[in-house]
Amino acid sequence: MSKYREQMFRLLMASKKDDPSVLVKLKEQHSKTGNDVISTLIQPPGSRHSCYFQFKDDITDFIKDLQTHVDKITEMTAVMKHAIEIDEQCGDQEYDRILKLEQENRGLREILQITRESFLNLRKDESLDSSSLSTLVNSTDHNLRKS
């Protein structure tokens, strides 16, 4: 379809018929399709300044759109930085909690080791006492039998 429009423009330019209604319609069609370059070619020679102002307005609109995109990106960057800070704070809190739990675990293991050693020592003492008691009982029992 664009080749057809280009041919129409060429024919209009070749015939030098500057019918304003046709030119306005063609400009509207091309501005709808985003083909502003071709529409500037059909401007009458006296209206080149209006073309300049239209071009300037288009650039201004483009710059405004670009600035809007930059503002959105800047806002998204700020949000992401804030999210990273929150993540780091949570990560630091979790790391501190893990260190605290590891310290507590070491303390509990030391207490368990001490308790285990004292329990084993107590069993040894009891076994020694029971063996000495059994020898006493055996010797007493043996003495009683003799008598």
C-alpha atoms as a PDB file:
ATOM      1  CA  MET A   1       0.000   0.000   0.000  1.00  0.00           C
ATOM      2  CA  SER A   2       2.881   2.395   0.680  1.00  0.00           C
ATOM      3  CA  LYS A   3       4.196   1.999  -2.891  1.00  0.00           C
ATOM      4  CA  TYR A   4       0.799   3.104  -4.169  1.00  0.00           C
ATOM      5  CA  ARG A   5       0.891   6.197  -1.949  1.00  0.00           C
ATOM      6  CA  GLU A   6       4.391   7.071  -3.085  1.00  0.00           C
ATOM      7  CA  GLN A   7       3.248   6.831  -6.691  1.00  0.00           C
ATOM      8  CA  MET A   8       0.314   9.112  -5.910  1.00  0.00           C
ATOM      9  CA  PHE A   9       2.658  11.674  -4.403  1.00  0.00           C
ATOM     10  CA  ARG A  10       4.938  11.529  -7.392  1.00  0.00           C
ATOM     11  CA  LEU A  11       1.992  12.034  -9.735  1.00  0.00           C
ATOM     12  CA  LEU A  12       0.754  14.980  -7.689  1.00  0.00           C
ATOM     13  CA  MET A  13       4.187  16.551  -7.621  1.00  0.00           C
ATOM     14  CA  ALA A  14       4.654  15.949 -11.347  1.00  0.00           C
ATOM     15  CA  SER A  15       1.342  17.503 -12.303  1.00  0.00           C
ATOM     16  CA  LYS A  16       1.998  20.521 -10.045  1.00  0.00           C
ATOM     17  CA  LYS A  17      -1.613  20.548  -9.030  1.00  0.00           C
ATOM     18  CA  ASP A  18      -1.708  21.930  -5.545  1.00  0.00           C
ATOM     19  CA  ASP A  19      -5.295  21.212  -4.665  1.00  0.00           C
ATOM     20  CA  PRO A  20      -5.417  22.021  -0.908  1.00  0.00           C
ATOM     21  CA  SER A  21      -8.185  19.540  -0.082  1.00  0.00           C
ATOM     22  CA  VAL A  22      -6.279  16.645  -1.664  1.00  0.00           C
ATOM     23  CA  LEU A  23      -3.076  17.683   0.051  1.00  0.00           C
ATOM     24  CA  VAL A  24      -4.818  17.927   3.439  1.00  0.00           C
ATOM     25  CA  LYS A  25      -6.372  14.484   3.027  1.00  0.00           C
ATOM     26  CA  LEU A  26      -3.053  12.954   2.033  1.00  0.00           C
ATOM     27  CA  LYS A  27      -1.305  14.615   4.965  1.00  0.00           C
ATOM     28  CA  GLU A  28      -3.903  13.238   7.377  1.00  0.00           C
ATOM     29  CA  GLN A  29      -3.556   9.731   5.974  1.00  0.00           C
ATOM     30  CA  HIS A  30       0.211   9.815   6.256  1.00  0.00           C
ATOM     31  CA  SER A  31       0.231  11.285   9.730  1.00  0.00           C
ATOM     32  CA  LYS A  32      -2.006   8.405  10.791  1.00  0.00           C
ATOM     33  CA  THR A  33       0.444   5.881   9.375  1.00  0.00           C
ATOM     34  CA  GLY A  34       3.481   7.715  10.705  1.00  0.00           C
ATOM     35  CA  ASN A  35       4.821   8.586   7.252  1.00  0.00           C
ATOM     36  CA  ASP A  36       5.516  12.297   7.960  1.00  0.00           C
ATOM     37  CA  VAL A  37       8.560  12.476   5.695  1.00  0.00           C
ATOM     38  CA  ILE A  38       6.503  12.031   2.538  1.00  0.00           C
ATOM     39  CA  SER A  39       3.866  14.491   3.728  1.00  0.00           C
ATOM     40  CA  THR A  40       6.521  17.198   4.092  1.00  0.00           C
ATOM     41  CA  LEU A  41       7.404  16.735   0.423  1.00  0.00           C
ATOM     42  CA  ILE A  42       3.946  17.871  -0.693  1.00  0.00           C
ATOM     43  CA  GLN A  43       4.131  21.188   1.177  1.00  0.00           C
ATOM     44  CA  PRO A  44       3.761  24.190  -1.127  1.00  0.00           C
ATOM     45  CA  PRO A  45       6.984  26.242  -1.429  1.00  0.00           C
ATOM     46  CA  GLY A  46       5.599  29.144   0.603  1.00  0.00           C
ATOM     47  CA  SER A  47       4.779  26.989   3.609  1.00  0.00           C
ATOM     48  CA  ARG A  48       8.251  25.590   4.299  1.00  0.00           C
ATOM     49  CA  HIS A  49       8.314  27.541   7.560  1.00  0.00           C
ATOM     50  CA  SER A  50       5.205  25.755   8.768  1.00  0.00           C
ATOM     51  CA  CYS A  51       6.956  22.513   7.898  1.00  0.00           C
ATOM     52  CA  TYR A  52       9.883  23.632  10.059  1.00  0.00           C
ATOM     53  CA  PHE A  53       7.561  24.397  12.949  1.00  0.00           C
ATOM     54  CA  GLN A  54       5.800  21.065  12.515  1.00  0.00           C
ATOM     55  CA  PHE A  55       9.174  19.327  12.533  1.00  0.00           C
ATOM     56  CA  LYS A  56      10.158  21.273  15.642  1.00  0.00           C
ATOM     57  CA  ASP A  57       6.885  20.284  17.331  1.00  0.00           C
ATOM     58  CA  ASP A  58       7.487  16.651  16.395  1.00  0.00           C
ATOM     59  CA  ILE A  59      10.970  16.778  17.880  1.00  0.00           C
ATOM     60  CA  THR A  60       9.611  18.446  21.014  1.00  0.00           C
ATOM     61  CA  ASP A  61       6.989  15.717  21.363  1.00  0.00           C
ATOM     62  CA  PHE A  62       9.643  13.071  20.832  1.00  0.00           C
ATOM     63  CA  ILE A  63      11.861  14.650  23.494  1.00  0.00           C
ATOM     64  CA  LYS A  64       8.919  14.784  25.917  1.00  0.00           C
ATOM     65  CA  ASP A  65       8.164  11.114  25.274  1.00  0.00           C
ATOM     66  CA  LEU A  66      11.820  10.263  25.712  1.00  0.00           C
ATOM     67  CA  GLN A  67      11.943  12.228  28.968  1.00  0.00           C
ATOM     68  CA  THR A  68       8.847  10.373  30.174  1.00  0.00           C
ATOM     69  CA  HIS A  69      10.568   7.055  29.481  1.00  0.00           C
ATOM     70  CA  VAL A  70      13.719   8.235  31.247  1.00  0.00           C
ATOM     71  CA  ASP A  71      11.635   9.302  34.256  1.00  0.00           C
ATOM     72  CA  LYS A  72       9.936   5.899  34.371  1.00  0.00           C
ATOM     73  CA  ILE A  73      13.294   4.129  34.166  1.00  0.00           C
ATOM     74  CA  THR A  74      14.684   6.371  36.915  1.00  0.00           C
ATOM     75  CA  GLU A  75      11.680   5.603  39.106  1.00  0.00           C
ATOM     76  CA  MET A  76      12.056   1.866  38.480  1.00  0.00           C
ATOM     77  CA  THR A  77      15.760   2.154  39.339  1.00  0.00           C
ATOM     78  CA  ALA A  78      14.933   3.834  42.640  1.00  0.00           C
ATOM     79  CA  VAL A  79      12.395   1.116  43.452  1.00  0.00           C
ATOM     80  CA  MET A  80      14.920  -1.621  42.621  1.00  0.00           C
ATOM     81  CA  LYS A  81      17.599   0.048  44.786  1.00  0.00           C
ATOM     82  CA  HIS A  82      15.141   0.204  47.674  1.00  0.00           C
ATOM     83  CA  ALA A  83      14.247  -3.467  47.180  1.00  0.00           C
ATOM     84  CA  ILE A  84      17.947  -4.393  47.171  1.00  0.00           C
ATOM     85  CA  GLU A  85      18.499  -2.448  50.409  1.00  0.00           C
ATOM     86  CA  ILE A  86      15.589  -4.256  52.059  1.00  0.00           C
ATOM     87  CA  ASP A  87      16.924  -7.607  50.809  1.00  0.00           C
ATOM     88  CA  GLU A  88      20.370  -6.830  52.186  1.00  0.00           C
ATOM     89  CA  GLN A  89      18.911  -5.816  55.549  1.00  0.00           C
ATOM     90  CA  CYS A  90      16.912  -9.040  55.731  1.00  0.00           C
ATOM     91  CA  GLY A  91      19.972 -10.997  54.637  1.00  0.00           C
ATOM     92  CA  ASP A  92      22.090  -9.346  57.335  1.00  0.00           C
ATOM     93  CA  GLN A  93      19.460 -10.146  59.968  1.00  0.00           C
ATOM     94  CA  GLU A  94      19.320 -13.771  58.830  1.00  0.00           C
ATOM     95  CA  TYR A  95      23.125 -14.004  58.829  1.00  0.00           C
ATOM     96  CA  ASP A  96      23.272 -12.597  62.372  1.00  0.00           C
ATOM     97  CA  ARG A  97      20.600 -15.065  63.485  1.00  0.00           C
ATOM     98  CA  ILE A  98      22.523 -17.969  61.919  1.00  0.00           C
ATOM     99  CA  LEU A  99      25.707 -16.895  63.726  1.00  0.00           C
ATOM    100  CA  LYS A 100      23.790 -16.687  67.003  1.00  0.00           C
ATOM    101  CA  LEU A 101      22.298 -20.153  66.482  1.00  0.00           C
ATOM    102  CA  GLU A 102      25.713 -21.612  65.634  1.00  0.00           C
ATOM    103  CA  GLN A 103      27.148 -20.130  68.837  1.00  0.00           C
ATOM    104  CA  GLU A 104      24.246 -21.509  70.840  1.00  0.00           C
ATOM    105  CA  ASN A 105      24.713 -24.900  69.178  1.00  0.00           C
ATOM    106  CA  ARG A 106      28.407 -24.937  70.145  1.00  0.00           C
ATOM    107  CA  GLY A 107      27.486 -24.086  73.729  1.00  0.00           C
ATOM    108  CA  LEU A 108      24.889 -26.855  73.861  1.00  0.00           C
ATOM    109  CA  ARG A 109      27.373 -29.359  72.425  1.00  0.00           C
ATOM    110  CA  GLU A 110      29.896 -28.412  75.110  1.00  0.00           C
ATOM    111  CA  ILE A 111      27.261 -28.890  77.819  1.00  0.00           C
ATOM    112  CA  LEU A 112      26.284 -32.248  76.298  1.00  0.00           C
ATOM    113  CA  GLN A 113      29.932 -33.359  76.232  1.00  0.00           C
ATOM    114  CA  ILE A 114      30.421 -32.353  79.876  1.00  0.00           C
ATOM    115  CA  THR A 115      27.217 -34.147  80.877  1.00  0.00           C
ATOM    116  CA  ARG A 116      28.222 -37.264  78.948  1.00  0.00           C
ATOM    117  CA  GLU A 117      31.683 -37.321  80.544  1.00  0.00           C
ATOM    118  CA  SER A 118      30.287 -36.865  84.043  1.00  0.00           C
ATOM    119  CA  PHE A 119      27.703 -39.590  83.404  1.00  0.00           C
ATOM    120  CA  LEU A 120      30.413 -41.995  82.203  1.00  0.00           C
ATOM    121  CA  ASN A 121      32.567 -41.130  85.211  1.00  0.00           C
ATOM    122  CA  LEU A 122      29.605 -41.750  87.495  1.00  0.00           C
ATOM    123  CA  ARG A 123      28.968 -45.149  85.910  1.00  0.00           C
ATOM    124  CA  LYS A 124      32.624 -46.063  86.340  1.00  0.00           C
ATOM    125  CA  ASP A 125      32.488 -45.033  89.968  1.00  0.00           C
ATOM    126  CA  GLU A 126      29.314 -47.039  90.494  1.00  0.00           C
ATOM    127  CA  SER A 127      30.794 -50.078  88.818  1.00  0.00           C
ATOM    128  CA  LEU A 128      33.890 -49.791  91.011  1.00  0.00           C
ATOM    129  CA  ASP A 129      31.744 -49.363  94.084  1.00  0.00           C
ATOM    130  CA  SER A 130      29.524 -52.262  93.146  1.00  0.00           C
ATOM    131  CA  SER A 131      32.540 -54.458  92.443  1.00  0.00           C
ATOM    132  CA  SER A 132      34.079 -53.529  95.787  1.00  0.00           C
ATOM    133  CA  LEU A 133      30.730 -54.139  97.422  1.00  0.00           C
ATOM    134  CA  SER A 134      30.402 -57.457  95.676  1.00  0.00           C
ATOM    135  CA  THR A 135      33.857 -58.470  96.891  1.00  0.00           C
ATOM    136  CA  LEU A 136      32.892 -57.386 100.372  1.00  0.00           C
ATOM    137  CA  VAL A 137      29.643 -59.298 100.168  1.00  0.00           C
ATOM    138  CA  ASN A 138      31.417 -62.313  98.746  1.00  0.00           C
ATOM    139  CA  SER A 139      34.125 -62.249 101.395  1.00  0.00           C
ATOM    140  CA  THR A 140      31.595 -61.742 104.164  1.00  0.00           C
ATOM    141  CA  ASP A 141      29.425 -64.459 102.743  1.00  0.00           C
ATOM    142  CA  HIS A 142      32.406 -66.717 102.489  1.00  0.00           C
ATOM    143  CA  ASN A 143      33.434 -66.014 106.082  1.00  0.00           C
ATOM    144  CA  LEU A 144      29.963 -66.742 107.315  1.00  0.00           C
ATOM    145  CA  ARG A 145      29.884 -70.042 105.552  1.00  0.00           C
ATOM    146  CA  LYS A 146      33.113 -71.071 107.146  1.00  0.00           C
ATOM    147  CA  SER A 147      31.807 -70.418 110.511  1.00  0.00           C
END
